[in-house]
Amino acid sequence: MESSLILGLLFFFGSAMNDVMLRAKHWQVFLYILPILILANITIVDSPLLSNSMSALAYGCYFTWFALLGNRLFLLLPRNVDFSLTWFLVDTVVVIATFAATVILTDDRSFQGEGLMALPVFYVFFAAGHTFWFLAATLVAVEKRRRPEFGFYFGTLLLFLFWPIGVWFIQPRLNKVWKEQE
């Protein structure tokens, strides 16, 4: 009984958050993300653990925004497009966990892998790229109502990579998708 109530609340608030993401104007999203990015780069000299924890939390919120957005766009995909939401979410969690672990566990906010340890580092880079690819390809697939080719979503991919600038171009497209789905 309690678990079904919790799942129901998560579904309700998750879907409400997804709709908010599609309805929000570009300046609202910018004002949401800007303090997060500023918080991620604040350094408290007297307390490096607190400083690193704040950065990890901020980067977690930043990538959670992308995870929620990808989840919502996936629900709007046409039936003939077969992207893997599970793979996208796993890659997003890998990126969030890696950022958090690197920021909290290392003093200089960096990590170097040599030999076999380089393989997981390469996968983290792939996972970050896959996160942005999924968002771009899914948005274009929802807009075009078919599986897009690389040339159709490459510009959108660049806009997601350069998010503080790209939000001014991507969010109006998300607003249009939300209006069409109503």
C-alpha atoms as a PDB file:
ATOM      1  CA  MET A   1       0.000   0.000   0.000  1.00  0.00           C
ATOM      2  CA  GLU A   2       2.708   2.462   1.025  1.00  0.00           C
ATOM      3  CA  SER A   3       4.923   1.595  -1.951  1.00  0.00           C
ATOM      4  CA  SER A   4       2.076   2.147  -4.414  1.00  0.00           C
ATOM      5  CA  LEU A   5       1.361   5.518  -2.797  1.00  0.00           C
ATOM      6  CA  ILE A   6       5.022   6.505  -3.104  1.00  0.00           C
ATOM      7  CA  LEU A   7       5.153   5.355  -6.738  1.00  0.00           C
ATOM      8  CA  GLY A   8       1.966   7.280  -7.459  1.00  0.00           C
ATOM      9  CA  LEU A   9       3.386  10.453  -5.933  1.00  0.00           C
ATOM     10  CA  LEU A  10       6.653  10.052  -7.856  1.00  0.00           C
ATOM     11  CA  PHE A  11       4.715   9.544 -11.091  1.00  0.00           C
ATOM     12  CA  PHE A  12       2.498  12.567 -10.389  1.00  0.00           C
ATOM     13  CA  PHE A  13       5.340  14.918  -9.475  1.00  0.00           C
ATOM     14  CA  GLY A  14       7.580  13.476 -12.193  1.00  0.00           C
ATOM     15  CA  SER A  15       4.973  14.057 -14.888  1.00  0.00           C
ATOM     16  CA  ALA A  16       4.188  17.497 -13.476  1.00  0.00           C
ATOM     17  CA  MET A  17       7.896  18.360 -13.598  1.00  0.00           C
ATOM     18  CA  ASN A  18       8.105  17.049 -17.158  1.00  0.00           C
ATOM     19  CA  ASP A  19       5.256  19.316 -18.243  1.00  0.00           C
ATOM     20  CA  VAL A  20       6.858  22.274 -16.481  1.00  0.00           C
ATOM     21  CA  MET A  21      10.052  21.643 -18.448  1.00  0.00           C
ATOM     22  CA  LEU A  22       8.207  21.751 -21.738  1.00  0.00           C
ATOM     23  CA  ARG A  23       6.080  24.782 -20.801  1.00  0.00           C
ATOM     24  CA  ALA A  24       8.822  26.927 -19.264  1.00  0.00           C
ATOM     25  CA  LYS A  25      10.067  29.859 -21.294  1.00  0.00           C
ATOM     26  CA  HIS A  26      13.706  30.105 -22.286  1.00  0.00           C
ATOM     27  CA  TRP A  27      14.482  32.863 -19.792  1.00  0.00           C
ATOM     28  CA  GLN A  28      12.944  30.817 -16.956  1.00  0.00           C
ATOM     29  CA  VAL A  29      15.110  27.815 -17.784  1.00  0.00           C
ATOM     30  CA  PHE A  30      18.143  30.078 -18.066  1.00  0.00           C
ATOM     31  CA  LEU A  31      17.427  31.575 -14.635  1.00  0.00           C
ATOM     32  CA  TYR A  32      16.995  28.039 -13.230  1.00  0.00           C
ATOM     33  CA  ILE A  33      20.274  26.737 -14.639  1.00  0.00           C
ATOM     34  CA  LEU A  34      22.475  29.830 -14.166  1.00  0.00           C
ATOM     35  CA  PRO A  35      22.521  29.700 -10.325  1.00  0.00           C
ATOM     36  CA  ILE A  36      23.198  25.967 -10.501  1.00  0.00           C
ATOM     37  CA  LEU A  37      26.226  26.511 -12.724  1.00  0.00           C
ATOM     38  CA  ILE A  38      27.436  29.350 -10.514  1.00  0.00           C
ATOM     39  CA  LEU A  39      26.991  27.175  -7.416  1.00  0.00           C
ATOM     40  CA  ALA A  40      28.988  24.407  -9.103  1.00  0.00           C
ATOM     41  CA  ASN A  41      31.974  26.714  -9.467  1.00  0.00           C
ATOM     42  CA  ILE A  42      32.032  28.336  -6.017  1.00  0.00           C
ATOM     43  CA  THR A  43      35.055  27.407  -3.965  1.00  0.00           C
ATOM     44  CA  ILE A  44      35.012  27.723  -0.184  1.00  0.00           C
ATOM     45  CA  VAL A  45      38.657  27.866   0.861  1.00  0.00           C
ATOM     46  CA  ASP A  46      38.123  26.909   4.508  1.00  0.00           C
ATOM     47  CA  SER A  47      35.947  23.890   3.714  1.00  0.00           C
ATOM     48  CA  PRO A  48      36.917  21.997   0.583  1.00  0.00           C
ATOM     49  CA  LEU A  49      34.525  19.128   1.370  1.00  0.00           C
ATOM     50  CA  LEU A  50      31.558  21.519   1.535  1.00  0.00           C
ATOM     51  CA  SER A  51      32.719  23.249  -1.626  1.00  0.00           C
ATOM     52  CA  ASN A  52      33.101  19.954  -3.471  1.00  0.00           C
ATOM     53  CA  SER A  53      29.755  18.666  -2.184  1.00  0.00           C
ATOM     54  CA  MET A  54      28.009  21.815  -3.432  1.00  0.00           C
ATOM     55  CA  SER A  55      29.615  21.330  -6.834  1.00  0.00           C
ATOM     56  CA  ALA A  56      28.557  17.689  -6.970  1.00  0.00           C
ATOM     57  CA  LEU A  57      24.979  18.611  -6.042  1.00  0.00           C
ATOM     58  CA  ALA A  58      24.886  21.392  -8.630  1.00  0.00           C
ATOM     59  CA  TYR A  59      26.200  19.182 -11.434  1.00  0.00           C
ATOM     60  CA  GLY A  60      23.739  16.507 -10.350  1.00  0.00           C
ATOM     61  CA  CYS A  61      20.841  18.984 -10.673  1.00  0.00           C
ATOM     62  CA  TYR A  62      22.173  20.167 -14.039  1.00  0.00           C
ATOM     63  CA  PHE A  63      22.259  16.655 -15.511  1.00  0.00           C
ATOM     64  CA  THR A  64      19.006  15.667 -13.808  1.00  0.00           C
ATOM     65  CA  TRP A  65      17.362  18.396 -15.873  1.00  0.00           C
ATOM     66  CA  PHE A  66      18.576  16.617 -18.999  1.00  0.00           C
ATOM     67  CA  ALA A  67      17.436  13.218 -17.679  1.00  0.00           C
ATOM     68  CA  LEU A  68      13.909  14.506 -17.003  1.00  0.00           C
ATOM     69  CA  LEU A  69      13.797  16.218 -20.377  1.00  0.00           C
ATOM     70  CA  GLY A  70      14.910  13.056 -22.186  1.00  0.00           C
ATOM     71  CA  ASN A  71      12.361  11.006 -20.269  1.00  0.00           C
ATOM     72  CA  ARG A  72       9.539  13.335 -21.283  1.00  0.00           C
ATOM     73  CA  LEU A  73      10.599  13.542 -24.928  1.00  0.00           C
ATOM     74  CA  PHE A  74      10.869   9.752 -25.088  1.00  0.00           C
ATOM     75  CA  LEU A  75       7.181   9.474 -24.193  1.00  0.00           C
ATOM     76  CA  LEU A  76       6.344  11.632 -27.234  1.00  0.00           C
ATOM     77  CA  LEU A  77       8.390   9.636 -29.766  1.00  0.00           C
ATOM     78  CA  PRO A  78       6.575   8.193 -32.764  1.00  0.00           C
ATOM     79  CA  ARG A  79       6.204   4.412 -32.781  1.00  0.00           C
ATOM     80  CA  ASN A  80       8.647   3.889 -35.642  1.00  0.00           C
ATOM     81  CA  VAL A  81      11.563   5.409 -33.661  1.00  0.00           C
ATOM     82  CA  ASP A  82      13.205   2.910 -31.335  1.00  0.00           C
ATOM     83  CA  PHE A  83      15.629   4.717 -29.031  1.00  0.00           C
ATOM     84  CA  SER A  84      16.545   3.122 -25.701  1.00  0.00           C
ATOM     85  CA  LEU A  85      15.396   5.179 -22.736  1.00  0.00           C
ATOM     86  CA  THR A  86      17.058   2.756 -20.312  1.00  0.00           C
ATOM     87  CA  TRP A  87      20.464   3.171 -21.924  1.00  0.00           C
ATOM     88  CA  PHE A  88      20.044   6.961 -21.881  1.00  0.00           C
ATOM     89  CA  LEU A  89      19.097   6.998 -18.186  1.00  0.00           C
ATOM     90  CA  VAL A  90      21.938   4.627 -17.246  1.00  0.00           C
ATOM     91  CA  ASP A  91      24.420   6.816 -19.114  1.00  0.00           C
ATOM     92  CA  THR A  92      23.049   9.935 -17.427  1.00  0.00           C
ATOM     93  CA  VAL A  93      23.391   8.309 -13.987  1.00  0.00           C
ATOM     94  CA  VAL A  94      26.959   7.249 -14.870  1.00  0.00           C
ATOM     95  CA  VAL A  95      27.799  10.839 -15.799  1.00  0.00           C
ATOM     96  CA  ILE A  96      26.211  12.253 -12.627  1.00  0.00           C
ATOM     97  CA  ALA A  97      27.927   9.667 -10.395  1.00  0.00           C
ATOM     98  CA  THR A  98      31.299  10.207 -12.072  1.00  0.00           C
ATOM     99  CA  PHE A  99      31.067  13.987 -11.753  1.00  0.00           C
ATOM    100  CA  ALA A 100      30.039  13.672  -8.114  1.00  0.00           C
ATOM    101  CA  ALA A 101      32.751  11.148  -7.257  1.00  0.00           C
ATOM    102  CA  THR A 102      35.453  13.131  -9.053  1.00  0.00           C
ATOM    103  CA  VAL A 103      34.461  16.421  -7.463  1.00  0.00           C
ATOM    104  CA  ILE A 104      34.104  15.036  -3.933  1.00  0.00           C
ATOM    105  CA  LEU A 105      36.953  12.521  -3.836  1.00  0.00           C
ATOM    106  CA  THR A 106      39.699  14.478  -5.580  1.00  0.00           C
ATOM    107  CA  ASP A 107      41.235  17.745  -4.492  1.00  0.00           C
ATOM    108  CA  ASP A 108      41.796  19.223  -7.919  1.00  0.00           C
ATOM    109  CA  ARG A 109      38.436  18.135  -9.436  1.00  0.00           C
ATOM    110  CA  SER A 110      40.146  15.988 -12.041  1.00  0.00           C
ATOM    111  CA  PHE A 111      40.827  12.346 -12.648  1.00  0.00           C
ATOM    112  CA  GLN A 112      43.426  10.630 -14.747  1.00  0.00           C
ATOM    113  CA  GLY A 113      43.176   7.029 -15.828  1.00  0.00           C
ATOM    114  CA  GLU A 114      46.104   5.101 -17.258  1.00  0.00           C
ATOM    115  CA  GLY A 115      46.219   1.642 -18.773  1.00  0.00           C
ATOM    116  CA  LEU A 116      43.076  -0.373 -18.205  1.00  0.00           C
ATOM    117  CA  MET A 117      41.700   2.371 -15.965  1.00  0.00           C
ATOM    118  CA  ALA A 118      41.378   4.521 -19.073  1.00  0.00           C
ATOM    119  CA  LEU A 119      38.556   2.313 -20.389  1.00  0.00           C
ATOM    120  CA  PRO A 120      35.993   3.461 -17.805  1.00  0.00           C
ATOM    121  CA  VAL A 121      37.102   7.051 -18.420  1.00  0.00           C
ATOM    122  CA  PHE A 122      36.454   6.598 -22.142  1.00  0.00           C
ATOM    123  CA  TYR A 123      33.017   5.177 -21.338  1.00  0.00           C
ATOM    124  CA  VAL A 124      32.194   8.220 -19.202  1.00  0.00           C
ATOM    125  CA  PHE A 125      33.032  10.474 -22.153  1.00  0.00           C
ATOM    126  CA  PHE A 126      30.876   8.289 -24.382  1.00  0.00           C
ATOM    127  CA  ALA A 127      28.038   8.394 -21.813  1.00  0.00           C
ATOM    128  CA  ALA A 128      28.158  12.208 -21.697  1.00  0.00           C
ATOM    129  CA  GLY A 129      28.072  12.363 -25.489  1.00  0.00           C
ATOM    130  CA  HIS A 130      25.261   9.817 -25.615  1.00  0.00           C
ATOM    131  CA  THR A 131      23.233  11.916 -23.175  1.00  0.00           C
ATOM    132  CA  PHE A 132      23.370  14.933 -25.460  1.00  0.00           C
ATOM    133  CA  TRP A 133      22.911  12.833 -28.617  1.00  0.00           C
ATOM    134  CA  PHE A 134      19.765  11.229 -27.182  1.00  0.00           C
ATOM    135  CA  LEU A 135      18.237  14.602 -26.348  1.00  0.00           C
ATOM    136  CA  ALA A 136      18.997  16.069 -29.770  1.00  0.00           C
ATOM    137  CA  ALA A 137      17.879  13.034 -31.763  1.00  0.00           C
ATOM    138  CA  THR A 138      14.727  12.598 -29.687  1.00  0.00           C
ATOM    139  CA  LEU A 139      13.710  16.251 -29.976  1.00  0.00           C
ATOM    140  CA  VAL A 140      14.145  16.209 -33.747  1.00  0.00           C
ATOM    141  CA  ALA A 141      12.338  12.848 -34.018  1.00  0.00           C
ATOM    142  CA  VAL A 142       9.373  14.254 -32.073  1.00  0.00           C
ATOM    143  CA  GLU A 143       9.317  17.355 -34.284  1.00  0.00           C
ATOM    144  CA  LYS A 144       9.684  15.477 -37.598  1.00  0.00           C
ATOM    145  CA  ARG A 145       7.584  12.458 -36.494  1.00  0.00           C
ATOM    146  CA  ARG A 146      10.222  10.064 -37.884  1.00  0.00           C
ATOM    147  CA  ARG A 147      13.739   8.824 -37.129  1.00  0.00           C
ATOM    148  CA  PRO A 148      16.116  11.671 -38.020  1.00  0.00           C
ATOM    149  CA  GLU A 149      19.388  11.422 -39.893  1.00  0.00           C
ATOM    150  CA  PHE A 150      22.564  12.845 -38.374  1.00  0.00           C
ATOM    151  CA  GLY A 151      22.469  16.032 -40.430  1.00  0.00           C
ATOM    152  CA  PHE A 152      19.035  16.898 -39.107  1.00  0.00           C
ATOM    153  CA  TYR A 153      19.999  16.833 -35.433  1.00  0.00           C
ATOM    154  CA  PHE A 154      23.680  17.856 -35.464  1.00  0.00           C
ATOM    155  CA  GLY A 155      22.827  21.538 -34.914  1.00  0.00           C
ATOM    156  CA  THR A 156      20.493  20.611 -32.068  1.00  0.00           C
ATOM    157  CA  LEU A 157      23.262  18.473 -30.572  1.00  0.00           C
ATOM    158  CA  LEU A 158      25.586  21.492 -30.564  1.00  0.00           C
ATOM    159  CA  LEU A 159      22.886  23.598 -28.930  1.00  0.00           C
ATOM    160  CA  PHE A 160      22.530  21.025 -26.131  1.00  0.00           C
ATOM    161  CA  LEU A 161      26.316  20.935 -25.673  1.00  0.00           C
ATOM    162  CA  PHE A 162      26.499  24.720 -25.341  1.00  0.00           C
ATOM    163  CA  TRP A 163      23.449  24.861 -23.075  1.00  0.00           C
ATOM    164  CA  PRO A 164      23.601  28.440 -21.731  1.00  0.00           C
ATOM    165  CA  ILE A 165      23.396  29.682 -25.313  1.00  0.00           C
ATOM    166  CA  GLY A 166      21.415  26.773 -26.734  1.00  0.00           C
ATOM    167  CA  VAL A 167      18.576  27.152 -24.232  1.00  0.00           C
ATOM    168  CA  TRP A 168      17.472  30.313 -26.055  1.00  0.00           C
ATOM    169  CA  PHE A 169      16.929  28.256 -29.218  1.00  0.00           C
ATOM    170  CA  ILE A 170      15.909  24.855 -27.839  1.00  0.00           C
ATOM    171  CA  GLN A 171      13.305  25.910 -25.281  1.00  0.00           C
ATOM    172  CA  PRO A 172      10.981  27.591 -27.818  1.00  0.00           C
ATOM    173  CA  ARG A 173      11.052  24.314 -29.774  1.00  0.00           C
ATOM    174  CA  LEU A 174      10.145  22.424 -26.589  1.00  0.00           C
ATOM    175  CA  ASN A 175       7.303  24.890 -25.983  1.00  0.00           C
ATOM    176  CA  LYS A 176       6.011  24.173 -29.489  1.00  0.00           C
ATOM    177  CA  VAL A 177       6.180  20.405 -28.869  1.00  0.00           C
ATOM    178  CA  TRP A 178       4.234  20.873 -25.619  1.00  0.00           C
ATOM    179  CA  LYS A 179       1.518  22.939 -27.346  1.00  0.00           C
ATOM    180  CA  GLU A 180       1.177  20.338 -30.094  1.00  0.00           C
ATOM    181  CA  GLN A 181       0.824  17.472 -27.631  1.00  0.00           C
ATOM    182  CA  GLU A 182      -1.985  19.141 -25.669  1.00  0.00           C
END
